[in-house]
C-alpha cells in the first residue's frame, strides 16, 4: 500500500464539446457529461475516455480528466489501454473459429490437448470458455499475488500459471455452476497454439486484428511491458494481496483515498505476462468499438456458430437471471448489451453492444478499481445506462468479479 502525504489531484470536467468528427453533440451528451464527471469525482477516477455509438440518437466521443495524477495531462481518444479480460473474448472467438473449421470440437476434453489438468478427461473446451470448469483460478493464490506485488516485472509462462492453479483442489465438478477463472482461458490459449501451430500473437493478428482493421490493437510479447504511445499512466489502489478477495480497500483506507490522502500506485509498466490469453491485449477505444460490434453481431463467426455463442449465455446467478449472463467468452450485461469488461492493475475497460438497437458503449479508464472495490469503468457505465435503457436496466453485479459474499477466484486480468 502506498500512502502519500500529498493529496490525490484528479482533474475532471474537461469533456469535449463536440464528437470525434467535430460536429455538434447528440442531445444525450448533456445528460451524460455531468453524471460521468460526478462519478469520477466521487470515486477518484483520474481519467476516462467514453465512446457511444447510437444509430438512433447519434454518436459521441468524449475525454475526461488526466492521464497523470497531479498534472494536467488530458486524456485523448487515441490513448492506448491494457484491456484486461476483454482479451478472453478474442481467445474464445479463435476457439470458435477453429471449431467451425472442424479443427477441434467444443465437446473435446481438455485432456486431449493438455496433460495434467484436474478432471481433464471430463472438462470440455466449452466448459472452459463458459467459466464452468471448476478449476481453481491461479489469480486467487496468495503467494502468486505476493509475487505480483514484490516482483512486478517478473515474466510468467503459461505453464507456471497452470502449476499454481493445479496445486489447489478443484472447486466443483465440471459443468456444475459458473465461476470465473483465469485458468480456463490460459488453457484455451495453449489449445489454440497446439491446434494452429502458431503463436497466439500471430493468430490474433491473422484472425481478428487484420480482418477488422484493428491497427492499434496488439498482443504483446511476454517480455514486453511497455504500452504504445500515446497512453495514460495506469493506477491501482491497494496491493494484489490486500485486495485478493473483494478488491475493496478497508473502510479507513477507502476514506483516505476519497479524501485524497491515500494515493494509488503507478502500475503502467507492470508486466502483463501473468494474464497472457486471459488479459494481455492492448487497444484503443476506437478499435474496441469496432471489435465489440463484430463480437455482438457475429462479424467473426459464421451464422450458426454465432447463434451457438449467444445461446450459450446462462445467468451467472440462477436466482436473478436478468442481472447478467456468461457464455462462450461473452457477457450479457443486464438484458441488452453483449460484450465483456477488463480489469488489470492500472486500467479498466468496458465494451458492450446491443445487437438489436446497434447501441455500442466503450469506456476506458486509468484506474483499476475504485476504493470501494468496483471496477472504475463499470462505475461509469452503470451511471450511463439509465439514459438509454431506464433505471431498471443496470446490472447489479459484474460477472467478471466475485460477488461480495463469494469465495470465487479473483478475476484480475
Protein backbone atom coordinates (compact mmCIF):
# COMPACT_ATOMS: atom_id res chain seq x y z
CA UNK A 1 0.00 0.00 0.00
CA UNK A 2 1.40 3.40 -0.96
CA UNK A 3 0.29 6.13 1.43
CA UNK A 4 1.04 9.63 0.23
CA UNK A 5 1.19 12.83 2.23
CA UNK A 6 0.13 14.90 -0.77
CA UNK A 7 -3.45 14.96 -1.99
CA UNK A 8 -4.72 12.96 -4.94
CA UNK A 9 -5.34 15.54 -7.63
CA UNK A 10 -7.97 14.47 -10.12
CA UNK A 11 -8.89 16.78 -12.96
CA UNK A 12 -12.38 16.21 -14.31
CA UNK A 13 -14.90 18.22 -16.20
CA UNK A 14 -12.94 18.64 -19.40
CA UNK A 15 -15.16 16.54 -21.65
CA UNK A 16 -15.05 17.55 -25.28
CA UNK A 17 -17.87 19.74 -26.59
CA UNK A 18 -18.00 18.06 -29.98
CA UNK A 19 -17.94 14.46 -31.15
CA UNK A 20 -14.88 12.94 -32.81
CA UNK A 21 -15.88 14.32 -36.20
CA UNK A 22 -16.17 17.87 -34.86
CA UNK A 23 -19.94 18.09 -35.32
CA UNK A 24 -22.47 19.05 -32.69
CA UNK A 25 -23.04 16.62 -29.85
CA UNK A 26 -26.17 14.49 -29.60
CA UNK A 27 -28.71 15.58 -27.01
CA UNK A 28 -27.90 12.78 -24.55
CA UNK A 29 -24.34 14.12 -24.13
CA UNK A 30 -25.64 16.97 -21.97
CA UNK A 31 -27.17 14.38 -19.65
CA UNK A 32 -24.18 12.06 -19.54
CA UNK A 33 -21.37 14.56 -19.06
CA UNK A 34 -22.30 15.74 -15.54
CA UNK A 35 -23.09 12.16 -14.50
CA UNK A 36 -19.65 10.98 -15.60
CA UNK A 37 -17.89 13.96 -14.04
CA UNK A 38 -19.60 13.44 -10.69
CA UNK A 39 -18.90 9.71 -10.63
CA UNK A 40 -15.24 10.40 -11.38
CA UNK A 41 -15.00 12.93 -8.57
CA UNK A 42 -16.86 10.72 -6.11
CA UNK A 43 -14.68 7.71 -6.92
CA UNK A 44 -11.33 9.48 -7.55
CA UNK A 45 -11.05 8.15 -11.10
CA UNK A 46 -8.19 10.11 -12.72
CA UNK A 47 -9.14 9.88 -16.39
CA UNK A 48 -11.59 8.32 -18.80
CA UNK A 49 -12.39 8.07 -22.49
CA UNK A 50 -16.02 7.39 -23.42
CA UNK A 51 -17.46 6.30 -26.76
CA UNK A 52 -21.17 5.96 -27.57
CA UNK A 53 -22.37 4.88 -31.00
CA UNK A 54 -26.14 5.12 -31.41
CA UNK A 55 -27.87 4.72 -34.80
CA UNK A 56 -30.97 6.25 -33.20
CA UNK A 57 -29.56 9.12 -31.14
CA UNK A 58 -26.19 9.91 -32.68
CA UNK A 59 -22.53 9.26 -31.89
CA UNK A 60 -20.45 10.79 -29.11
CA UNK A 61 -16.83 10.55 -28.03
CA UNK A 62 -15.54 12.44 -25.01
CA UNK A 63 -12.44 12.58 -22.84
CA UNK A 64 -12.36 13.36 -19.13
CA UNK A 65 -9.71 14.02 -16.53
CA UNK A 66 -5.99 13.47 -16.58
CA UNK A 67 -3.59 10.81 -17.73
CA UNK A 68 -1.17 11.59 -14.90
CA UNK A 69 -2.28 12.18 -11.32
CA UNK A 70 -1.24 15.59 -10.06
CA UNK A 71 -0.71 17.01 -13.55
CA UNK A 72 -2.89 18.43 -16.31
CA UNK A 73 -2.33 15.77 -18.97
CA UNK A 74 -5.60 15.49 -20.90
CA UNK A 75 -6.78 12.07 -21.97
CA UNK A 76 -7.08 11.59 -25.74
CA UNK A 77 -9.23 9.40 -27.97
CA UNK A 78 -6.03 7.88 -29.36
CA UNK A 79 -4.80 6.66 -25.97
CA UNK A 80 -3.79 3.02 -25.63
CA UNK A 81 -5.05 0.96 -22.69
CA UNK A 82 -4.44 -2.51 -21.36
CA UNK A 83 -7.87 -4.05 -21.91
CA UNK A 84 -7.53 -6.96 -19.49
CA UNK A 85 -10.21 -9.63 -19.63
CA UNK A 86 -11.71 -8.30 -22.85
CA UNK A 87 -8.87 -10.42 -24.24
CA UNK A 88 -10.85 -13.52 -23.23
CA UNK A 89 -13.45 -12.77 -25.88
CA UNK A 90 -10.71 -12.88 -28.51
CA UNK A 91 -9.28 -16.16 -27.21
CA UNK A 92 -12.69 -17.80 -27.33
CA UNK A 93 -13.51 -16.26 -30.70
CA UNK A 94 -10.47 -18.01 -32.17
CA UNK A 95 -11.52 -21.23 -30.43
CA UNK A 96 -14.95 -20.97 -32.06
CA UNK A 97 -13.41 -20.27 -35.46
CA UNK A 98 -11.31 -23.42 -35.13
CA UNK A 99 -14.43 -25.36 -34.17
CA UNK A 100 -16.41 -24.16 -37.18
CA UNK A 101 -13.45 -25.11 -39.39
CA UNK A 102 -13.56 -28.63 -37.95
CA UNK A 103 -10.09 -28.38 -36.40
CA UNK A 104 -11.44 -29.14 -32.93
CA UNK A 105 -14.73 -29.77 -31.17
CA UNK A 106 -16.09 -27.74 -28.29
CA UNK A 107 -17.02 -31.07 -26.71
CA UNK A 108 -13.40 -32.23 -26.71
CA UNK A 109 -11.97 -32.79 -23.22
CA UNK A 110 -9.04 -30.56 -22.37
CA UNK A 111 -7.01 -33.72 -21.64
CA UNK A 112 -6.89 -34.27 -25.42
CA UNK A 113 -4.73 -31.16 -25.75
CA UNK A 114 -3.02 -30.62 -22.39
CA UNK A 115 -2.00 -33.24 -19.80
CA UNK A 116 -2.23 -32.95 -16.05
CA UNK A 117 -5.43 -30.92 -15.78
CA UNK A 118 -7.51 -31.98 -12.76
CA UNK A 119 -10.71 -33.56 -14.14
CA UNK A 120 -9.15 -33.01 -17.56
CA UNK A 121 -10.88 -36.04 -19.03
CA UNK A 122 -14.28 -34.55 -18.10
CA UNK A 123 -13.79 -30.80 -18.61
CA UNK A 124 -14.72 -29.79 -22.15
CA UNK A 125 -13.36 -26.86 -24.13
CA UNK A 126 -16.84 -25.34 -24.00
CA UNK A 127 -16.89 -25.52 -20.19
CA UNK A 128 -13.54 -23.73 -20.07
CA UNK A 129 -14.89 -20.98 -22.36
CA UNK A 130 -18.11 -20.66 -20.35
CA UNK A 131 -16.32 -20.50 -16.96
CA UNK A 132 -17.91 -23.73 -15.79
CA UNK A 133 -14.86 -25.97 -15.38
CA UNK A 134 -14.48 -25.86 -11.59
CA UNK A 135 -10.75 -25.23 -11.89
CA UNK A 136 -9.12 -23.01 -9.28
CA UNK A 137 -8.00 -19.64 -10.64
CA UNK A 138 -4.30 -19.04 -10.12
CA UNK A 139 -5.10 -15.36 -9.51
CA UNK A 140 -6.62 -16.31 -6.17
CA UNK A 141 -3.38 -17.82 -4.85
CA UNK A 142 -1.92 -15.60 -2.13
CA UNK A 143 1.72 -16.39 -2.84
CA UNK A 144 1.18 -15.61 -6.52
CA UNK A 145 -0.30 -12.23 -5.59
CA UNK A 146 2.67 -11.54 -3.34
CA UNK A 147 4.94 -12.16 -6.34
CA UNK A 148 2.94 -9.62 -8.35
CA UNK A 149 3.40 -7.06 -5.57
CA UNK A 150 7.08 -7.72 -4.95
CA UNK A 151 8.28 -8.55 -8.47
CA UNK A 152 6.01 -6.61 -10.86
CA UNK A 153 8.40 -7.17 -13.78
CA UNK A 154 8.54 -10.96 -13.38
CA UNK A 155 7.85 -12.74 -16.66
CA UNK A 156 5.41 -15.61 -16.25
CA UNK A 157 4.89 -18.57 -18.56
CA UNK A 158 1.50 -20.25 -19.05
CA UNK A 159 2.95 -23.44 -17.58
CA UNK A 160 3.91 -21.63 -14.37
CA UNK A 161 0.41 -20.23 -14.05
CA UNK A 162 -1.13 -23.66 -14.50
CA UNK A 163 1.22 -25.18 -11.92
CA UNK A 164 -0.11 -22.66 -9.38
CA UNK A 165 -3.73 -23.42 -10.29
CA UNK A 166 -3.34 -27.19 -10.26
CA UNK A 167 -1.68 -27.16 -6.84
CA UNK A 168 -5.16 -26.35 -5.47
CA UNK A 169 -8.14 -28.70 -5.41
CA UNK A 170 -10.93 -28.13 -7.89
CA UNK A 171 -13.84 -26.05 -6.64
CA UNK A 172 -16.66 -28.16 -8.10
CA UNK A 173 -17.45 -30.79 -10.71
CA UNK A 174 -17.29 -29.77 -14.40
CA UNK A 175 -20.44 -28.01 -15.56
CA UNK A 176 -21.94 -27.73 -12.08
CA UNK A 177 -22.05 -23.93 -11.99
CA UNK A 178 -20.47 -20.67 -13.14
CA UNK A 179 -17.26 -19.46 -11.55
CA UNK A 180 -14.88 -17.02 -13.19
CA UNK A 181 -11.37 -18.47 -13.50
CA UNK A 182 -8.43 -17.15 -15.47
CA UNK A 183 -7.01 -20.68 -15.51
CA UNK A 184 -9.68 -21.62 -18.06
CA UNK A 185 -8.55 -19.06 -20.63
CA UNK A 186 -4.85 -19.81 -20.19
CA UNK A 187 -5.63 -23.42 -21.11
CA UNK A 188 -7.56 -22.30 -24.17
CA UNK A 189 -4.58 -20.26 -25.30
CA UNK A 190 -2.43 -23.36 -25.18
CA UNK A 191 -5.06 -25.28 -27.16
CA UNK A 192 -5.02 -22.58 -29.84
CA UNK A 193 -1.24 -22.72 -30.16
CA UNK A 194 -1.25 -26.52 -30.36
CA UNK A 195 -4.00 -26.70 -32.98
CA UNK A 196 -2.76 -23.83 -35.17
CA UNK A 197 0.97 -24.38 -34.73
CA UNK A 198 1.32 -20.61 -34.40
CA UNK A 199 1.77 -18.18 -31.54
CA UNK A 200 -1.31 -16.55 -30.07
CA UNK A 201 0.02 -13.16 -31.17
CA UNK A 202 0.19 -14.29 -34.80
CA UNK A 203 -3.20 -16.00 -34.62
CA UNK A 204 -4.91 -12.95 -33.12
CA UNK A 205 -3.35 -10.75 -35.79
CA UNK A 206 -4.37 -13.02 -38.66
CA UNK A 207 -7.85 -13.92 -37.45
CA UNK A 208 -9.07 -10.79 -35.61
CA UNK A 209 -6.89 -7.68 -35.79
CA UNK A 210 -6.22 -7.64 -39.53
CA UNK A 211 -9.72 -8.70 -40.74
CA UNK A 212 -11.34 -5.97 -38.62
CA UNK A 213 -8.70 -3.33 -39.36
CA UNK A 214 -7.66 -3.00 -35.72
CA UNK A 215 -4.42 -1.12 -36.40
CA UNK A 216 -3.90 -0.03 -32.80
CA UNK A 217 -4.55 -3.36 -31.09
CA UNK A 218 -1.76 -5.75 -30.11
CA UNK A 219 -0.93 -8.87 -28.12
CA UNK A 220 2.46 -8.03 -26.57
CA UNK A 221 5.32 -10.46 -26.18
CA UNK A 222 5.65 -11.76 -22.59
CA UNK A 223 8.84 -9.77 -22.01
CA UNK A 224 7.29 -6.52 -23.29
CA UNK A 225 5.69 -4.48 -20.51
CA UNK A 226 5.55 -1.24 -22.48
CA UNK A 227 2.43 0.43 -23.88
CA UNK A 228 2.45 2.20 -27.26
CA UNK A 229 2.22 5.98 -27.21
CA UNK A 230 0.04 7.81 -26.55
CA UNK A 231 -1.11 6.28 -23.27
CA UNK A 232 -2.12 7.48 -19.83
CA UNK A 233 -0.39 6.38 -16.67
CA UNK A 234 -2.27 3.50 -15.03
CA UNK A 235 -3.07 3.36 -11.32
CA UNK A 236 -4.31 0.91 -8.70
CA UNK A 237 -5.33 1.23 -5.06
CA UNK A 238 -4.11 -1.30 -2.53
CA UNK A 239 -1.93 -4.30 -3.29
CA UNK A 240 -2.74 -7.55 -5.01
CA UNK A 241 -2.56 -9.37 -1.68
CA UNK A 242 -4.68 -6.87 0.25
CA UNK A 243 -7.47 -6.84 -2.34
CA UNK A 244 -7.38 -10.52 -3.31
CA UNK A 245 -10.94 -11.36 -2.31
CA UNK A 246 -13.15 -8.33 -2.92
CA UNK A 247 -10.83 -5.66 -4.42
CA UNK A 248 -12.16 -3.23 -1.79
CA UNK A 249 -9.90 -1.23 0.48
CA UNK A 250 -10.52 -1.43 4.25
CA UNK A 251 -13.01 1.26 5.36
CA UNK A 252 -10.37 3.58 6.81
CA UNK A 253 -8.30 3.39 3.63
CA UNK A 254 -11.38 3.97 1.48
CA UNK A 255 -11.99 7.17 3.41
CA UNK A 256 -8.36 8.22 3.00
CA UNK A 257 -8.45 7.53 -0.73
CA UNK A 258 -11.61 9.56 -1.19
CA UNK A 259 -10.12 12.36 0.91
CA UNK A 260 -7.00 12.39 -1.23
CA UNK A 261 -4.53 11.30 1.45
CA UNK A 262 -4.07 7.78 0.09
CA UNK A 263 -2.59 7.68 -3.37
CA UNK A 264 -2.81 4.75 -5.78
CA UNK A 265 0.38 3.15 -7.07
CA UNK A 266 1.53 3.53 -10.65
CA UNK A 267 1.20 0.19 -12.44
CA UNK A 268 1.73 1.40 -16.01
CA UNK A 269 4.67 -0.82 -16.86
CA UNK A 270 3.98 -3.79 -14.58
CA UNK A 271 4.36 -6.98 -16.62
CA UNK A 272 1.07 -8.29 -18.03
CA UNK A 273 2.65 -11.67 -18.80
CA UNK A 274 0.71 -13.27 -15.96
CA UNK A 275 -2.53 -12.59 -17.83
CA UNK A 276 -1.49 -13.94 -21.28
CA UNK A 277 -4.61 -15.07 -23.20
CA UNK A 278 -6.77 -14.09 -20.23
CA UNK A 279 -5.89 -10.40 -20.34
CA UNK A 280 -2.75 -9.12 -22.11
CA UNK A 281 -4.18 -7.28 -25.15
CA UNK A 282 -3.62 -3.53 -25.61
CA UNK A 283 -6.08 -1.43 -27.63
CA UNK A 284 -7.77 1.94 -28.14
CA UNK A 285 -11.41 2.90 -27.72
CA UNK A 286 -11.97 3.17 -31.48
CA UNK A 287 -10.60 -0.31 -32.09
CA UNK A 288 -12.62 -1.69 -29.18
CA UNK A 289 -15.77 -0.12 -30.63
CA UNK A 290 -15.18 -1.84 -33.96
CA UNK A 291 -14.36 -5.14 -32.27
CA UNK A 292 -17.29 -5.31 -29.85
CA UNK A 293 -19.77 -4.66 -32.66
CA UNK A 294 -18.31 -7.63 -34.52
CA UNK A 295 -18.43 -9.66 -31.31
CA UNK A 296 -22.12 -8.89 -30.71
CA UNK A 297 -23.25 -9.04 -34.35
CA UNK A 298 -21.24 -12.08 -35.42
CA UNK A 299 -18.72 -10.44 -37.72
CA UNK A 300 -16.02 -13.00 -36.96
CA UNK A 301 -18.08 -16.20 -36.97
CA UNK A 302 -20.48 -17.90 -39.32
CA UNK A 303 -24.19 -17.55 -38.57
CA UNK A 304 -24.57 -20.96 -36.93
CA UNK A 305 -21.59 -20.53 -34.63
CA UNK A 306 -22.67 -17.02 -33.64
CA UNK A 307 -26.11 -18.36 -32.75
CA UNK A 308 -24.47 -21.09 -30.68
CA UNK A 309 -22.38 -18.48 -28.89
CA UNK A 310 -25.35 -16.32 -27.96
CA UNK A 311 -27.44 -19.35 -26.96
CA UNK A 312 -24.67 -20.44 -24.59
CA UNK A 313 -25.19 -17.43 -22.32
CA UNK A 314 -26.57 -18.53 -18.97
CA UNK A 315 -27.37 -16.42 -15.87
CA UNK A 316 -24.41 -16.21 -13.53
CA UNK A 317 -26.95 -16.19 -10.71
CA UNK A 318 -29.90 -18.51 -11.49
CA UNK A 319 -31.93 -16.75 -8.80
CA UNK A 320 -31.53 -13.42 -10.63
CA UNK A 321 -31.47 -14.30 -14.36
CA UNK A 322 -31.89 -10.71 -15.60
CA UNK A 323 -28.80 -9.49 -13.78
CA UNK A 324 -26.05 -10.73 -16.09
CA UNK A 325 -25.06 -13.81 -18.04
CA UNK A 326 -21.92 -15.50 -19.29
CA UNK A 327 -21.45 -17.77 -22.26
CA UNK A 328 -18.74 -18.79 -24.71
CA UNK A 329 -16.36 -15.95 -23.93
CA UNK A 330 -19.09 -13.33 -23.93
CA UNK A 331 -21.01 -11.43 -21.25
CA UNK A 332 -24.60 -10.25 -21.27
CA UNK A 333 -24.89 -7.11 -19.14
CA UNK A 334 -28.47 -6.69 -17.96
CA UNK A 335 -30.78 -7.71 -20.77
CA UNK A 336 -29.34 -5.76 -23.67
CA UNK A 337 -25.60 -5.31 -24.05
CA UNK A 338 -23.24 -8.06 -25.18
CA UNK A 339 -19.52 -7.73 -24.63
CA UNK A 340 -17.11 -8.00 -21.71
CA UNK A 341 -15.05 -5.87 -19.40
CA UNK A 342 -11.41 -5.97 -18.40
CA UNK A 343 -9.62 -5.06 -15.22
CA UNK A 344 -5.86 -5.20 -14.79
CA UNK A 345 -3.64 -3.27 -12.37
CA UNK A 346 -3.57 0.24 -13.81
CA UNK A 347 -6.54 0.15 -16.16
CA UNK A 348 -10.14 -0.88 -16.66
CA UNK A 349 -12.15 -1.06 -19.86
CA UNK A 350 -15.74 -1.90 -20.73
CA UNK A 351 -17.19 -2.74 -24.13
CA UNK A 352 -20.80 -3.55 -24.89
CA UNK A 353 -23.00 -3.56 -27.97
CA UNK A 354 -26.73 -4.10 -28.36
CA UNK A 355 -27.34 -6.28 -31.46
CA UNK A 356 -30.98 -5.14 -31.60
CA UNK A 357 -30.58 -1.35 -31.47
CA UNK A 358 -26.96 -1.05 -32.52
CA UNK A 359 -26.12 0.98 -29.41
CA UNK A 360 -22.44 0.50 -28.55
CA UNK A 361 -20.70 1.79 -25.44
CA UNK A 362 -16.96 1.66 -24.72
CA UNK A 363 -15.36 3.16 -21.63
CA UNK A 364 -11.65 3.13 -20.77
CA UNK A 365 -10.12 4.43 -17.53
CA UNK A 366 -6.67 4.61 -16.00
CA UNK A 367 -7.64 3.22 -12.59
CA UNK A 368 -8.27 -0.47 -11.95
CA UNK A 369 -10.84 -0.35 -9.15
CA UNK A 370 -12.30 2.49 -7.14
CA UNK A 371 -11.73 2.47 -3.36
CA UNK A 372 -14.97 0.52 -2.75
CA UNK A 373 -13.63 -2.29 -4.97
CA UNK A 374 -15.83 -1.87 -8.03
CA UNK A 375 -14.24 -1.65 -11.45
CA UNK A 376 -13.82 2.01 -12.37
CA UNK A 377 -15.12 1.76 -15.94
CA UNK A 378 -18.15 -0.19 -14.77
CA UNK A 379 -18.96 2.56 -12.26
CA UNK A 380 -19.24 4.99 -15.17
CA UNK A 381 -21.18 2.59 -17.38
CA UNK A 382 -23.75 1.94 -14.67
CA UNK A 383 -24.25 5.68 -14.42
CA UNK A 384 -24.72 5.95 -18.18
CA UNK A 385 -27.10 3.07 -18.90
CA UNK A 386 -30.30 4.59 -17.43
CA UNK A 387 -30.10 7.33 -20.06
CA UNK A 388 -30.58 4.68 -22.76
CA UNK A 389 -32.47 1.87 -21.04
CA UNK A 390 -34.12 3.27 -17.92
CA UNK A 391 -33.27 2.73 -14.28
CA UNK A 392 -34.11 -0.98 -14.21
CA UNK A 393 -31.58 -1.93 -16.87
CA UNK A 394 -28.49 -1.62 -14.66
CA UNK A 395 -26.63 -4.88 -13.89
CA UNK A 396 -26.21 -5.30 -10.14
CA UNK A 397 -23.02 -7.28 -10.46
CA UNK A 398 -20.14 -7.66 -12.86
CA UNK A 399 -19.85 -11.34 -13.84
CA UNK A 400 -16.09 -10.94 -14.05
CA UNK A 401 -15.85 -10.08 -10.36
CA UNK A 402 -16.65 -12.19 -7.32
CA UNK A 403 -19.85 -11.31 -5.51
CA UNK A 404 -19.30 -9.66 -2.12
CA UNK A 405 -20.21 -12.85 -0.26
CA UNK A 406 -18.49 -15.22 -2.67
CA UNK A 407 -15.20 -17.05 -2.38
CA UNK A 408 -14.83 -17.15 -6.13
CA UNK A 409 -11.35 -16.63 -7.55
CA UNK A 410 -10.31 -13.05 -8.16
CA UNK A 411 -10.64 -12.27 -11.85
CA UNK A 412 -7.83 -9.74 -12.33
CA UNK A 413 -6.63 -9.89 -15.89
